[in-house]
Protein backbone atom coordinates (compact mmCIF):
# COMPACT_ATOMS: atom_id res chain seq x y z
CA MET A 1 14.09 36.99 -26.58
CA ASN A 2 13.73 40.70 -27.35
CA ARG A 3 16.85 42.73 -26.84
CA PRO A 4 16.55 45.80 -24.58
CA LYS A 5 16.36 49.06 -26.51
CA ILE A 6 18.95 51.64 -25.46
CA TYR A 7 19.02 55.33 -26.36
CA ILE A 8 21.90 57.72 -25.65
CA ASP A 9 20.54 61.27 -25.43
CA GLY A 10 23.56 63.48 -26.05
CA GLN A 11 25.63 60.87 -27.88
CA GLU A 12 27.79 63.52 -29.58
CA GLY A 13 29.37 64.63 -26.28
CA THR A 14 32.49 63.07 -24.75
CA THR A 15 30.64 60.82 -22.27
CA GLY A 16 28.01 59.82 -24.84
CA LEU A 17 30.62 58.90 -27.43
CA GLN A 18 32.49 56.79 -24.88
CA ILE A 19 29.29 54.96 -23.88
CA TYR A 20 28.54 54.32 -27.54
CA GLU A 21 32.07 53.00 -28.01
CA ARG A 22 31.42 50.42 -25.27
CA LEU A 23 27.98 49.45 -26.58
CA GLY A 24 28.30 49.77 -30.35
CA GLU A 25 29.38 46.19 -31.03
CA ARG A 26 27.21 44.46 -28.44
CA GLU A 27 24.62 42.02 -29.76
CA ASP A 28 22.63 41.69 -26.53
CA ILE A 29 21.11 45.18 -26.85
CA GLU A 30 19.51 47.28 -29.58
CA LEU A 31 20.85 50.83 -29.88
CA LEU A 32 18.30 53.41 -30.97
CA ARG A 33 19.89 56.11 -33.10
CA ILE A 34 18.71 59.62 -33.83
CA GLU A 35 19.39 61.24 -37.18
CA PRO A 36 22.17 63.84 -36.87
CA ASP A 37 19.92 66.66 -38.11
CA LYS A 38 17.29 65.80 -35.48
CA ARG A 39 19.50 65.78 -32.39
CA LYS A 40 17.85 68.96 -31.12
CA ASP A 41 14.37 68.01 -32.39
CA LEU A 42 12.26 67.74 -29.21
CA THR A 43 9.58 65.60 -30.87
CA GLU A 44 12.08 63.06 -32.18
CA ARG A 45 13.97 62.93 -28.89
CA LYS A 46 10.75 62.45 -26.95
CA LYS A 47 9.76 59.55 -29.22
CA LEU A 48 13.09 57.79 -28.66
CA LEU A 49 13.12 58.51 -24.92
CA ASN A 50 9.76 56.77 -24.60
CA GLU A 51 10.59 53.93 -26.99
CA ALA A 52 13.73 52.91 -25.09
CA ASP A 53 13.90 50.42 -22.24
CA LEU A 54 16.87 52.35 -20.85
CA VAL A 55 18.17 55.84 -21.60
CA PHE A 56 21.57 57.39 -20.94
CA LEU A 57 21.38 61.16 -20.43
CA CYS A 58 24.69 62.75 -21.45
CA LEU A 59 23.49 66.32 -21.28
CA PRO A 60 23.99 69.55 -19.34
CA ASP A 61 22.06 69.64 -16.06
CA ALA A 62 19.06 71.67 -17.25
CA ALA A 63 18.70 69.59 -20.40
CA ALA A 64 18.86 66.37 -18.35
CA VAL A 65 16.02 67.58 -16.13
CA GLU A 66 14.03 68.50 -19.24
CA ALA A 67 14.68 65.06 -20.79
CA VAL A 68 13.39 63.23 -17.71
CA GLY A 69 10.22 65.32 -17.97
CA LEU A 70 9.70 64.09 -21.54
CA ILE A 71 9.42 60.45 -20.41
CA GLU A 72 5.72 59.61 -20.11
CA ASN A 73 5.76 55.89 -19.30
CA GLU A 74 6.69 53.59 -16.42
CA LYS A 75 8.93 51.41 -18.62
CA THR A 76 11.87 53.65 -19.55
CA ARG A 77 14.68 53.50 -17.01
CA VAL A 78 17.26 56.28 -16.84
CA ILE A 79 20.97 56.66 -16.13
CA ASP A 80 21.81 60.35 -15.86
CA ALA A 81 25.47 61.28 -16.33
CA SER A 82 24.88 64.94 -15.40
CA THR A 83 25.11 66.53 -11.96
CA ALA A 84 21.38 67.23 -11.84
CA HIS A 85 20.09 64.22 -9.89
CA ARG A 86 23.03 62.89 -7.87
CA THR A 87 21.52 63.82 -4.51
CA ALA A 88 17.91 64.11 -5.68
CA GLU A 89 15.07 62.26 -3.97
CA GLY A 90 13.94 59.22 -5.90
CA TRP A 91 17.30 58.70 -7.60
CA THR A 92 19.79 55.93 -6.79
CA TYR A 93 23.50 56.73 -6.73
CA GLY A 94 25.30 54.61 -9.33
CA PHE A 95 28.36 53.35 -7.47
CA PRO A 96 27.71 49.61 -6.91
CA GLU A 97 30.77 48.89 -4.77
CA LEU A 98 30.40 51.87 -2.47
CA LEU A 99 28.01 50.90 0.31
CA ALA A 100 26.23 47.77 1.56
CA GLY A 101 23.19 47.06 -0.59
CA GLN A 102 24.04 49.66 -3.25
CA ARG A 103 24.41 47.07 -6.00
CA GLN A 104 20.90 45.74 -5.33
CA ARG A 105 19.46 49.25 -5.14
CA ILE A 106 20.89 50.00 -8.59
CA LYS A 107 19.66 46.71 -10.00
CA PHE A 108 16.03 47.52 -9.27
CA ALA A 109 16.12 51.31 -9.67
CA ARG A 110 14.18 53.22 -12.33
CA ARG A 111 16.36 56.30 -12.01
CA VAL A 112 20.14 56.10 -11.47
CA ALA A 113 22.50 59.06 -11.15
CA ASN A 114 25.99 58.31 -12.44
CA PRO A 115 28.70 59.62 -10.06
CA GLY A 116 30.98 62.54 -10.87
CA CYS A 117 34.57 61.68 -11.71
CA HIS A 118 36.25 63.48 -8.79
CA ALA A 119 33.51 62.23 -6.47
CA THR A 120 34.19 58.65 -7.54
CA GLY A 121 37.81 58.85 -6.43
CA PHE A 122 37.06 60.64 -3.18
CA LEU A 123 34.19 58.36 -2.20
CA ALA A 124 36.07 55.16 -3.04
CA ALA A 125 38.46 56.11 -0.23
CA ALA A 126 36.28 58.07 2.20
CA ALA A 127 32.93 56.24 2.23
CA PRO A 128 34.29 52.87 3.45
CA LEU A 129 36.28 54.52 6.23
CA THR A 130 33.19 56.38 7.40
CA ALA A 131 31.03 53.25 7.11
CA MET A 132 33.55 51.30 9.22
CA GLY A 133 33.62 54.04 11.86
CA VAL A 134 37.29 54.83 11.23
CA LEU A 135 36.69 58.29 9.76
CA PRO A 136 34.41 60.31 12.06
CA LYS A 137 31.41 61.79 10.25
CA GLU A 138 32.17 65.26 11.59
CA ALA A 139 35.79 65.13 10.37
CA ALA A 140 37.20 67.99 8.31
CA VAL A 141 38.95 66.21 5.44
CA THR A 142 41.00 67.41 2.48
CA CYS A 143 41.10 66.08 -1.07
CA PHE A 144 43.45 66.83 -3.97
CA SER A 145 42.43 65.51 -7.40
CA LEU A 146 44.49 65.52 -10.59
CA THR A 147 42.70 64.85 -13.88
CA GLY A 148 43.42 64.72 -17.58
CA TYR A 149 41.83 67.33 -19.82
CA SER A 150 39.34 64.96 -21.51
CA GLY A 151 37.10 65.26 -18.47
CA GLY A 152 36.45 68.90 -19.41
CA GLY A 153 34.50 68.05 -22.55
CA LYS A 154 34.89 68.90 -26.21
CA LYS A 155 35.90 72.55 -25.83
CA MET A 156 38.61 71.81 -23.28
CA ILE A 157 39.89 68.89 -25.36
CA ALA A 158 40.10 71.16 -28.41
CA ASP A 159 41.93 73.85 -26.43
CA TYR A 160 44.54 71.38 -25.17
CA GLU A 161 45.02 69.62 -28.52
CA LYS A 162 45.58 72.72 -30.65
CA SER A 163 48.91 72.76 -32.46
CA GLU A 164 49.55 76.17 -30.89
CA LYS A 165 47.97 76.56 -27.46
CA ALA A 166 48.14 79.02 -24.61
CA GLU A 167 51.27 78.79 -22.48
CA ASP A 168 49.35 78.03 -19.27
CA LEU A 169 47.89 74.86 -20.83
CA TYR A 170 51.32 73.25 -20.69
CA SER A 171 51.26 73.23 -16.88
CA PRO A 172 48.93 71.87 -14.17
CA ARG A 173 46.08 74.28 -13.46
CA ILE A 174 44.23 74.44 -10.15
CA TYR A 175 40.55 75.25 -10.61
CA GLY A 176 37.37 75.34 -8.54
CA THR A 177 39.11 77.91 -6.35
CA THR A 178 35.80 79.18 -4.96
CA LEU A 179 35.73 75.80 -3.13
CA ARG A 180 32.15 75.24 -4.32
CA HIS A 181 32.78 72.53 -6.90
CA LYS A 182 29.65 70.87 -8.30
CA HIS A 183 30.71 67.43 -7.00
CA LEU A 184 30.78 68.52 -3.34
CA PRO A 185 27.13 67.68 -2.47
CA GLU A 186 27.51 64.04 -3.53
CA MET A 187 30.96 63.81 -1.92
CA LYS A 188 29.54 64.91 1.42
CA THR A 189 26.29 62.92 1.16
CA TYR A 190 27.64 59.51 0.18
CA ALA A 191 30.71 59.71 2.37
CA GLY A 192 28.32 60.23 5.29
CA LEU A 193 30.08 63.42 6.34
CA THR A 194 28.47 66.35 8.12
CA GLN A 195 30.55 68.84 6.12
CA PRO A 196 32.02 68.71 2.61
CA PRO A 197 35.76 68.20 2.17
CA VAL A 198 38.13 71.01 1.32
CA PHE A 199 38.53 69.98 -2.29
CA CYS A 200 41.24 71.06 -4.74
CA PRO A 201 40.89 69.81 -8.35
CA VAL A 202 43.74 70.17 -10.86
CA VAL A 203 43.70 69.67 -14.64
CA ASP A 204 46.91 68.91 -16.51
CA ASP A 205 48.26 68.53 -20.03
CA TYR A 206 47.48 64.85 -20.62
CA ASP A 207 44.45 63.15 -22.11
CA LYS A 208 42.91 60.94 -19.44
CA GLY A 209 43.45 59.38 -16.06
CA MET A 210 42.94 60.59 -12.51
CA ALA A 211 44.72 60.54 -9.18
CA THR A 212 42.29 61.60 -6.45
CA THR A 213 43.93 61.76 -3.04
CA LEU A 214 42.29 61.86 0.39
CA MET A 215 44.67 63.30 3.01
CA LEU A 216 44.27 62.15 6.60
CA PRO A 217 46.16 62.89 9.81
CA VAL A 218 46.10 59.68 11.87
CA SER A 219 45.03 61.75 14.89
CA LEU A 220 41.76 62.37 13.03
CA LEU A 221 40.92 58.66 12.82
CA SER A 222 39.23 56.50 15.44
CA GLY A 223 41.74 54.08 16.96
CA HIS A 224 44.62 55.90 15.24
CA PRO A 225 45.36 53.19 12.63
CA ALA A 226 48.63 53.42 10.68
CA ALA A 227 48.73 53.53 6.89
CA GLU A 228 49.26 49.78 6.57
CA ASP A 229 46.21 49.14 8.79
CA VAL A 230 44.03 51.38 6.59
CA SER A 231 45.27 49.56 3.50
CA GLU A 232 44.21 46.23 5.00
CA MET A 233 40.80 47.62 6.01
CA LEU A 234 40.08 48.87 2.51
CA ALA A 235 41.33 45.63 0.95
CA ARG A 236 38.83 43.67 3.07
CA TYR A 237 36.06 46.13 2.26
CA TYR A 238 36.50 45.70 -1.50
CA GLU A 239 37.43 42.03 -1.43
CA GLY A 240 35.98 40.20 -4.43
CA GLU A 241 35.15 43.35 -6.41
CA ALA A 242 36.06 43.28 -10.09
CA ALA A 243 36.12 47.02 -10.77
CA VAL A 244 37.64 48.34 -7.52
CA LYS A 245 40.91 46.96 -6.17
CA VAL A 246 43.29 47.93 -3.37
CA LEU A 247 46.90 47.57 -4.41
CA PRO A 248 49.34 45.91 -1.95
CA TYR A 249 50.73 48.29 0.64
CA GLN A 250 54.26 49.49 -0.12
CA LYS A 251 56.42 50.93 2.63
CA GLU A 252 58.86 52.47 0.19
CA ALA A 253 58.15 55.83 -1.44
CA ALA A 254 56.91 55.61 -5.02
CA PHE A 255 55.66 57.82 -7.83
CA LEU A 256 51.93 57.54 -8.51
CA ALA A 257 51.10 58.39 -12.12
CA ALA A 258 47.63 59.84 -12.72
CA ASN A 259 47.34 58.08 -16.09
CA THR A 260 48.07 54.61 -14.66
CA MET A 261 44.50 53.41 -15.34
CA ALA A 262 43.91 55.27 -18.62
CA GLY A 263 41.82 53.13 -20.94
CA LYS A 264 40.45 51.01 -18.08
CA ASP A 265 36.98 50.92 -16.52
CA SER A 266 38.29 49.89 -13.10
CA LEU A 267 39.75 51.78 -10.14
CA ALA A 268 42.80 51.06 -7.98
CA LEU A 269 43.32 52.40 -4.46
CA VAL A 270 46.80 53.00 -3.10
CA VAL A 271 47.40 53.72 0.59
CA SER A 272 50.62 55.52 1.50
CA GLY A 273 52.10 57.13 4.59
CA HIS A 274 53.15 56.15 8.09
CA GLU A 275 52.02 56.09 11.72
CA GLU A 276 51.03 59.78 11.78
CA GLN A 277 49.86 60.71 8.28
CA ILE A 278 48.02 58.81 5.55
CA ILE A 279 47.04 59.45 1.96
CA VAL A 280 44.63 57.23 0.04
CA THR A 281 44.87 57.71 -3.73
CA ALA A 282 42.30 56.48 -6.24
CA LEU A 283 43.77 55.85 -9.69
CA PHE A 284 41.23 55.54 -12.51
CA ASP A 285 40.23 56.85 -15.92
CA ASN A 286 38.00 59.93 -15.76
CA LEU A 287 36.14 58.60 -18.82
CA GLY A 288 36.11 55.00 -17.52
CA LYS A 289 35.13 54.33 -13.91
CA GLY A 290 34.78 58.12 -13.66
CA ALA A 291 32.04 58.39 -16.32
CA SER A 292 31.15 56.13 -19.25
CA GLY A 293 32.51 52.85 -17.91
CA ALA A 294 30.56 53.36 -14.69
CA ALA A 295 27.41 54.14 -16.69
CA VAL A 296 27.70 50.90 -18.68
CA GLN A 297 28.37 48.95 -15.46
CA ASN A 298 25.14 50.39 -14.04
CA MET A 299 23.25 49.51 -17.23
CA ASN A 300 24.46 45.93 -17.01
CA LEU A 301 23.15 45.66 -13.46
CA MET A 302 19.81 47.23 -14.31
CA LEU A 303 19.21 44.97 -17.30
CA GLY A 304 20.44 41.75 -15.70
CA PHE A 305 23.62 41.33 -17.74
CA PRO A 306 26.91 40.22 -16.15
CA GLU A 307 28.14 43.38 -14.44
CA THR A 308 31.41 43.82 -16.33
CA THR A 309 30.14 42.99 -19.84
CA GLY A 310 31.72 45.32 -22.39
CA LEU A 311 34.14 46.83 -19.88
CA SER A 312 37.91 46.90 -19.92
CA LEU A 313 39.24 45.99 -16.48
């Protein structure tokens, strides 16, 4: 049996390198490689894009759109890790656990848009609650998301890992203060909301791991469920999932460390609060379930491999 041919366009970037790390030793696929001096050679890239059975695009948005335009056959399937196609017509959103039927849609899709890292955490909490009718679609919701610096790409990684770095890099830094973060369209669309959340991302002085927190007054929710009720609802929603789990509800206060799931390709939800206020926190690796791990999970589905092959859960 011929092994599927896989090409990573943009392999030298953070997401591309992490995908390669997960695929490099696999014997059930054939990785197509481009010569280092031809990485920007349009002719060579076009040849590989059309030779592959499946392509990962790990490129800036404009370059990802250009790459799709270079594919001239009906065979090559695409997983785009950029923002370019996440709400685009004809593209399937690559979050298998998120909504009923999403896994099957990914399995048969020709074009899959890999979710953004912050969006993954927000949607893991918000989309089920909307789908179950607990979170009204017109609700004004708030999200706070803490991430390690590796999600910012090579330049940010280099800035944080210098032996002598700027003083502000030693502390958490709020960004996206225009409140127009690039993940907002997908957050609104796939949560089924009529308006995007008020979203506050924060980057801090650690390598990887995320804690994305949805903040909910109980008065906002249909039926006014308490925190423990919401925990049980989400646990039932994700029952049987390998890559998304809901941790047991704890009544006692606890620290939640954003790097808890560093090195893993899975996501854990933690529900906290009481009868009047609730927070739902998604703990995951921004390079795992937030990027490259999710991309490989989608590839496995699209090519008919066991879904978690090559992943660390």
